[in-house]
Every structure is written in C-alpha cells, then in structure tokens.
C-alpha cells in the first residue's frame, strides 16, 4: 500500500509540474502577450512565473524524493536485472536531470536576464532576443517533460519487464 501512495505522489508531482507548463504555453502567455499595457504585462508575467517557480520547484523536489523511493523499490524487486527496464529508467533519469538543469537555467539566467532588461527599458531587439532564449528553454523543458511521462508509462508496462531490447 505504501508503494502505491509513493507512486501516486510521484505521478501527482509530474502532473503539477507538467500541467501548468502546458497551460502557460498554450493559454496564459499568448493571452498576456496581447496586453497593450507593457508595465501590466510585465507585472502579470512576473507574478505568474514566480508562482509557477514555487509550485514547479516543489513538484520537482517531490518527483525526486518519490523517484528515489521508486528506484529503491525497483532494485529490491530485481527490475534492474531486466535490460529494457534498466535502460528505460536510466534514460528517464537523465532526462529528469536535463529538465532540472533547464529549469534552473530558465529561472536563474534567461528569466532573470529578461526581467533585468525590462526593468532597464532595453531596446525591443534585446528584449526579443531574451524572450526567444526564455521561450526555447521553456519549450525544451516541456518537451522533455512530456517524453519523461512516456518513459514513466513504459516503465509501468509489461513491455519494460522483457529481457531483451526487441
């Protein structure tokens, strides 16, 4: 029963991390870009992204903690003796590390640079370049997050328990 609760928390963490990314990319940011008042647009963007940063950061911590528990349980069950499971898990973990790195870069480098440029009243060219870097990091993070969900589903399938990579 405890393992099921840990798995549920792991899935909940993924939902809390990925769902808002999709909402931001598909709905919130396009709507905000249409706002005429630049100052209001910047303030709203800052409030939304700060809120997502707190929520997403907490979700990543939950995913890591429950993922470590799931790793330990899978080791105890001998699942890492199975070639497919071993490779699926390792790829999923490497993708998770990439998501954490991209999230950190987005928050501490690209997003901060964009915010600083906005506060300095930088040229539209400089702002557009900073927005593009921020958007590329966001799209990469979302794409990798969705691929991680696929790998999670594969790990839970009977196919992952096969002995060879066919």
Protein backbone atom coordinates (compact mmCIF):
# COMPACT_ATOMS: atom_id res chain seq x y z
CA UNK A 1 0.00 0.00 0.00
CA UNK A 2 2.82 2.42 0.89
CA UNK A 3 4.49 1.86 -2.51
CA UNK A 4 1.20 2.73 -4.23
CA UNK A 5 0.97 6.00 -2.28
CA UNK A 6 4.57 6.87 -3.19
CA UNK A 7 3.86 6.13 -6.86
CA UNK A 8 0.69 8.25 -6.68
CA UNK A 9 2.70 11.15 -5.17
CA UNK A 10 5.29 10.72 -7.94
CA UNK A 11 2.57 10.94 -10.60
CA UNK A 12 0.96 13.89 -8.78
CA UNK A 13 4.32 15.70 -8.81
CA UNK A 14 4.60 15.13 -12.56
CA UNK A 15 1.06 16.40 -13.13
CA UNK A 16 1.70 19.50 -11.02
CA UNK A 17 4.94 20.19 -12.93
CA UNK A 18 3.77 19.46 -16.49
CA UNK A 19 0.17 20.70 -16.37
CA UNK A 20 0.99 24.34 -15.61
CA UNK A 21 3.71 24.30 -18.30
CA UNK A 22 1.10 23.35 -20.88
CA UNK A 23 -1.31 25.97 -19.53
CA UNK A 24 1.37 28.67 -19.64
CA UNK A 25 2.49 27.79 -23.17
CA UNK A 26 -0.94 27.31 -24.69
CA UNK A 27 -3.11 29.83 -22.88
CA UNK A 28 -1.56 32.22 -20.36
CA UNK A 29 1.50 33.55 -22.21
CA UNK A 30 -0.29 34.08 -25.57
CA UNK A 31 -3.05 35.97 -23.72
CA UNK A 32 -0.55 38.05 -21.77
CA UNK A 33 1.36 38.95 -24.96
CA UNK A 34 -1.82 40.58 -26.28
CA UNK A 35 -1.99 43.03 -23.37
CA UNK A 36 -1.41 46.60 -24.54
CA UNK A 37 -0.02 47.96 -21.26
CA UNK A 38 3.65 46.86 -21.20
CA UNK A 39 4.05 47.50 -17.45
CA UNK A 40 0.93 45.50 -16.56
CA UNK A 41 2.09 42.72 -18.92
CA UNK A 42 5.49 42.56 -17.22
CA UNK A 43 4.00 42.59 -13.72
CA UNK A 44 1.49 39.86 -14.53
CA UNK A 45 4.14 37.72 -16.23
CA UNK A 46 6.43 38.12 -13.23
CA UNK A 47 3.68 37.15 -10.77
CA UNK A 48 2.62 34.12 -12.79
CA UNK A 49 6.15 32.85 -13.41
CA UNK A 50 7.14 33.40 -9.78
CA UNK A 51 4.11 31.38 -8.67
CA UNK A 52 4.91 28.64 -11.16
CA UNK A 53 8.52 28.66 -9.99
CA UNK A 54 7.44 27.90 -6.43
CA UNK A 55 4.91 25.28 -7.50
CA UNK A 56 7.19 23.70 -10.09
CA UNK A 57 10.18 23.68 -7.75
CA UNK A 58 8.16 21.91 -5.08
CA UNK A 59 6.90 19.42 -7.66
CA UNK A 60 10.47 18.68 -8.80
CA UNK A 61 11.52 18.00 -5.21
CA UNK A 62 8.51 15.69 -4.75
CA UNK A 63 9.37 13.89 -8.01
CA UNK A 64 12.99 13.44 -6.92
CA UNK A 65 12.16 12.13 -3.43
CA UNK A 66 9.47 9.72 -4.62
CA UNK A 67 11.62 8.74 -7.60
CA UNK A 68 14.42 7.71 -5.25
CA UNK A 69 11.93 5.60 -3.30
CA UNK A 70 10.66 4.01 -6.51
CA UNK A 71 14.26 3.36 -7.59
CA UNK A 72 14.95 1.57 -4.34
CA UNK A 73 11.76 -0.49 -4.66
CA UNK A 74 12.60 -1.45 -8.26
CA UNK A 75 16.09 -2.50 -7.20
CA UNK A 76 14.62 -4.65 -4.44
CA UNK A 77 12.25 -6.26 -6.93
CA UNK A 78 15.14 -7.11 -9.27
CA UNK A 79 13.75 -4.99 -12.11
CA UNK A 80 17.18 -3.59 -12.94
CA UNK A 81 18.25 -7.10 -13.96
CA UNK A 82 15.92 -6.68 -16.93
CA UNK A 83 17.54 -4.93 -19.87
CA UNK A 84 14.56 -2.86 -21.01
CA UNK A 85 13.65 -1.66 -17.53
CA UNK A 86 17.28 -0.76 -16.80
CA UNK A 87 17.66 1.34 -19.96
CA UNK A 88 14.24 2.96 -19.73
CA UNK A 89 14.87 4.01 -16.15
CA UNK A 90 18.34 5.38 -16.88
CA UNK A 91 17.15 7.40 -19.86
CA UNK A 92 14.21 8.71 -17.84
CA UNK A 93 16.55 9.75 -15.03
CA UNK A 94 18.95 11.52 -17.43
CA UNK A 95 16.03 13.37 -18.98
CA UNK A 96 14.90 14.39 -15.47
CA UNK A 97 18.39 15.77 -14.77
CA UNK A 98 18.20 17.73 -18.05
CA UNK A 99 14.79 19.14 -17.02
CA UNK A 100 16.18 20.24 -13.65
CA UNK A 101 19.15 21.92 -15.34
CA UNK A 102 16.95 23.64 -17.94
CA UNK A 103 14.52 24.76 -15.24
CA UNK A 104 17.39 26.21 -13.22
CA UNK A 105 18.87 27.96 -16.27
CA UNK A 106 15.48 29.34 -17.20
CA UNK A 107 14.83 30.69 -13.72
CA UNK A 108 18.30 31.95 -12.84
CA UNK A 109 19.69 33.04 -16.21
CA UNK A 110 17.18 33.52 -19.05
CA UNK A 111 14.22 34.71 -16.99
CA UNK A 112 16.38 36.94 -14.81
CA UNK A 113 18.04 38.48 -17.87
CA UNK A 114 14.68 39.21 -19.45
CA UNK A 115 13.39 40.76 -16.23
CA UNK A 116 16.53 42.90 -15.87
CA UNK A 117 16.27 44.10 -19.47
CA UNK A 118 12.60 45.01 -18.97
CA UNK A 119 13.40 46.98 -15.81
CA UNK A 120 16.23 48.80 -17.61
CA UNK A 121 13.95 49.75 -20.50
CA UNK A 122 16.13 47.90 -23.01
CA UNK A 123 15.51 48.02 -26.73
CA UNK A 124 12.86 45.83 -28.30
CA UNK A 125 15.60 43.92 -30.15
CA UNK A 126 17.35 43.00 -26.88
CA UNK A 127 14.03 42.07 -25.28
CA UNK A 128 13.04 39.92 -28.25
CA UNK A 129 16.36 38.06 -28.10
CA UNK A 130 15.98 37.44 -24.34
CA UNK A 131 12.35 36.34 -24.83
CA UNK A 132 13.45 33.90 -27.54
CA UNK A 133 16.05 32.29 -25.24
CA UNK A 134 13.49 32.05 -22.46
CA UNK A 135 10.92 30.54 -24.80
CA UNK A 136 13.40 28.00 -26.21
CA UNK A 137 14.29 26.87 -22.67
CA UNK A 138 10.59 26.60 -21.81
CA UNK A 139 9.77 24.59 -24.93
CA UNK A 140 12.72 22.26 -24.35
CA UNK A 141 11.69 21.73 -20.72
CA UNK A 142 8.09 20.99 -21.69
CA UNK A 143 9.12 18.64 -24.49
CA UNK A 144 11.49 16.69 -22.25
CA UNK A 145 8.86 16.58 -19.50
CA UNK A 146 6.35 15.01 -21.89
CA UNK A 147 8.94 12.46 -23.05
CA UNK A 148 9.62 11.62 -19.39
CA UNK A 149 5.91 10.90 -18.96
CA UNK A 150 6.13 8.46 -21.87
CA UNK A 151 9.11 6.72 -20.27
CA UNK A 152 7.20 6.52 -16.98
CA UNK A 153 4.31 4.82 -18.76
CA UNK A 154 6.72 2.42 -20.48
CA UNK A 155 8.33 1.56 -17.12
CA UNK A 156 4.91 0.63 -15.78
CA UNK A 157 4.13 -1.59 -18.76
CA UNK A 158 4.69 -5.30 -19.22
CA UNK A 159 6.99 -4.48 -22.15
CA UNK A 160 9.58 -2.98 -19.76
CA UNK A 161 9.79 -6.29 -17.93
CA UNK A 162 11.03 -8.09 -21.05
CA UNK A 163 14.53 -9.47 -21.01
CA UNK A 164 15.82 -8.07 -24.27
CA UNK A 165 15.60 -4.93 -26.39
CA UNK A 166 13.32 -6.18 -29.17
